[in-house]
Amino acid sequence: MKKLLKSVISPVKAIGRGVVKPFQSKYEVVCTTYQVIPGLPVSKNEQKHAFDRGAALEAKEFYTKVVSSDMTRTMAPVEVQLRKIYIGGRTIDKAEFGPVQHLKNVSKKKK
């Protein structure tokens, strides 16, 4: 009886997950590097790594790998964001290496 009950409930759970998935949030990890050359405006380069709907664990693991990477820490000013995108984007977690806030303020003043 238990096996019969499990064989009936398992497909129902799978259908339920399929119905819920389109309403879950997407995730992305955005890595922004700032380049400072004297005499020129501050330039930035953004790299986005998008994840599927409901892939919160994979996105968090990737974010942790990027932040703990030696390459990220030794580069020029870098900002790494973990973003949750449902209707509008929202930053869940953020890490900055170097004078990122100062560079953002400088670039805003020049505009």
Protein backbone atom coordinates (compact mmCIF):
# COMPACT_ATOMS: atom_id res chain seq x y z
CA MET A 1 0.00 0.00 0.00
CA LYS A 2 2.85 2.39 0.83
CA LYS A 3 4.54 1.75 -2.51
CA LEU A 4 1.29 2.42 -4.34
CA LEU A 5 0.78 5.65 -2.42
CA LYS A 6 4.37 6.79 -3.11
CA SER A 7 4.05 5.98 -6.82
CA VAL A 8 0.92 8.18 -7.00
CA ILE A 9 2.29 11.09 -4.94
CA SER A 10 5.67 11.31 -6.68
CA PRO A 11 4.28 12.39 -10.11
CA VAL A 12 1.93 14.83 -8.39
CA LYS A 13 4.89 16.49 -6.64
CA ALA A 14 6.75 16.73 -9.96
CA ILE A 15 3.77 18.40 -11.59
CA GLY A 16 3.54 20.80 -8.66
CA ARG A 17 7.19 21.76 -9.04
CA GLY A 18 6.64 22.34 -12.76
CA VAL A 19 3.75 24.68 -12.04
CA VAL A 20 5.63 26.67 -9.39
CA LYS A 21 8.92 27.06 -11.29
CA PRO A 22 7.81 29.86 -13.69
CA PHE A 23 6.91 32.01 -10.70
CA GLN A 24 10.26 31.66 -8.95
CA SER A 25 12.99 34.30 -9.15
CA LYS A 26 15.99 34.29 -11.45
CA TYR A 27 19.45 34.91 -10.01
CA GLU A 28 22.60 36.47 -11.41
CA VAL A 29 26.11 37.23 -10.22
CA VAL A 30 27.47 40.53 -11.52
CA CYS A 31 31.20 41.23 -11.35
CA THR A 32 32.14 44.84 -12.11
CA THR A 33 35.80 45.79 -12.53
CA TYR A 34 36.84 49.45 -12.59
CA GLN A 35 39.83 50.63 -14.57
CA VAL A 36 41.58 53.85 -13.62
CA ILE A 37 43.93 55.50 -16.12
CA PRO A 38 45.18 58.98 -15.19
CA GLY A 39 43.80 61.64 -17.49
CA LEU A 40 40.92 59.47 -18.73
CA PRO A 41 37.47 58.89 -17.27
CA VAL A 42 36.97 55.83 -15.06
CA SER A 43 35.82 52.89 -17.15
CA LYS A 44 34.03 49.83 -15.91
CA ASN A 45 33.51 46.34 -17.26
CA GLU A 46 30.53 44.23 -16.15
CA GLN A 47 30.35 40.47 -16.42
CA LYS A 48 27.01 38.81 -15.68
CA HIS A 49 26.49 35.14 -14.95
CA ALA A 50 22.78 34.29 -15.12
CA PHE A 51 21.14 31.32 -13.41
CA ASP A 52 17.80 29.61 -14.02
CA ARG A 53 14.65 30.21 -12.05
CA GLY A 54 14.85 28.87 -8.51
CA ALA A 55 18.60 28.21 -8.66
CA ALA A 56 19.36 30.10 -5.47
CA LEU A 57 21.82 27.53 -4.13
CA GLU A 58 23.89 27.39 -7.32
CA ALA A 59 24.01 31.19 -7.53
CA LYS A 60 25.08 31.52 -3.88
CA GLU A 61 27.82 28.89 -4.33
CA PHE A 62 29.13 30.64 -7.45
CA TYR A 63 29.07 34.02 -5.66
CA THR A 64 31.05 32.52 -2.76
CA LYS A 65 33.63 31.08 -5.17
CA VAL A 66 34.06 34.42 -6.95
CA VAL A 67 34.43 36.39 -3.70
CA SER A 68 36.90 33.92 -2.18
CA SER A 69 38.99 33.70 -5.37
CA ASP A 70 42.53 35.08 -5.14
CA MET A 71 42.18 36.53 -8.64
CA THR A 72 39.22 38.68 -7.56
CA ARG A 73 41.01 39.95 -4.47
CA THR A 74 44.21 40.92 -6.31
CA MET A 75 42.55 42.67 -9.26
CA ALA A 76 41.96 46.41 -9.48
CA PRO A 77 38.83 47.78 -7.77
CA VAL A 78 36.14 45.10 -8.09
CA GLU A 79 32.50 44.89 -6.99
CA VAL A 80 30.68 41.54 -6.91
CA GLN A 81 26.91 41.38 -6.49
CA LEU A 82 24.46 38.51 -6.04
CA ARG A 83 21.16 39.70 -7.50
CA LYS A 84 17.65 38.28 -7.29
CA ILE A 85 15.49 39.16 -10.26
CA TYR A 86 11.74 38.67 -10.12
CA ILE A 87 10.05 41.80 -11.39
CA GLY A 88 12.82 44.26 -10.58
CA GLY A 89 16.40 43.46 -9.66
CA ARG A 90 17.38 43.42 -6.00
CA THR A 91 20.88 42.97 -4.61
CA ILE A 92 21.00 40.21 -2.00
CA ASP A 93 24.70 40.25 -1.21
CA LYS A 94 27.57 42.52 -2.24
CA ALA A 95 31.35 42.49 -1.81
CA GLU A 96 33.78 45.28 -2.73
CA PHE A 97 37.54 45.08 -3.11
CA GLY A 98 39.40 48.37 -3.36
CA PRO A 99 38.08 51.96 -3.43
CA VAL A 100 34.84 51.18 -5.32
CA GLN A 101 32.65 53.73 -3.51
CA HIS A 102 35.20 56.49 -4.16
CA LEU A 103 35.28 55.65 -7.89
CA LYS A 104 31.48 55.66 -8.08
CA ASN A 105 31.37 59.11 -6.45
CA VAL A 106 34.04 60.46 -8.81
CA SER A 107 32.21 59.18 -11.89
CA LYS A 108 28.90 60.70 -10.68
CA LYS A 109 30.50 64.12 -10.12
CA LYS A 110 31.94 64.24 -13.64
CA LYS A 111 28.56 63.61 -15.30
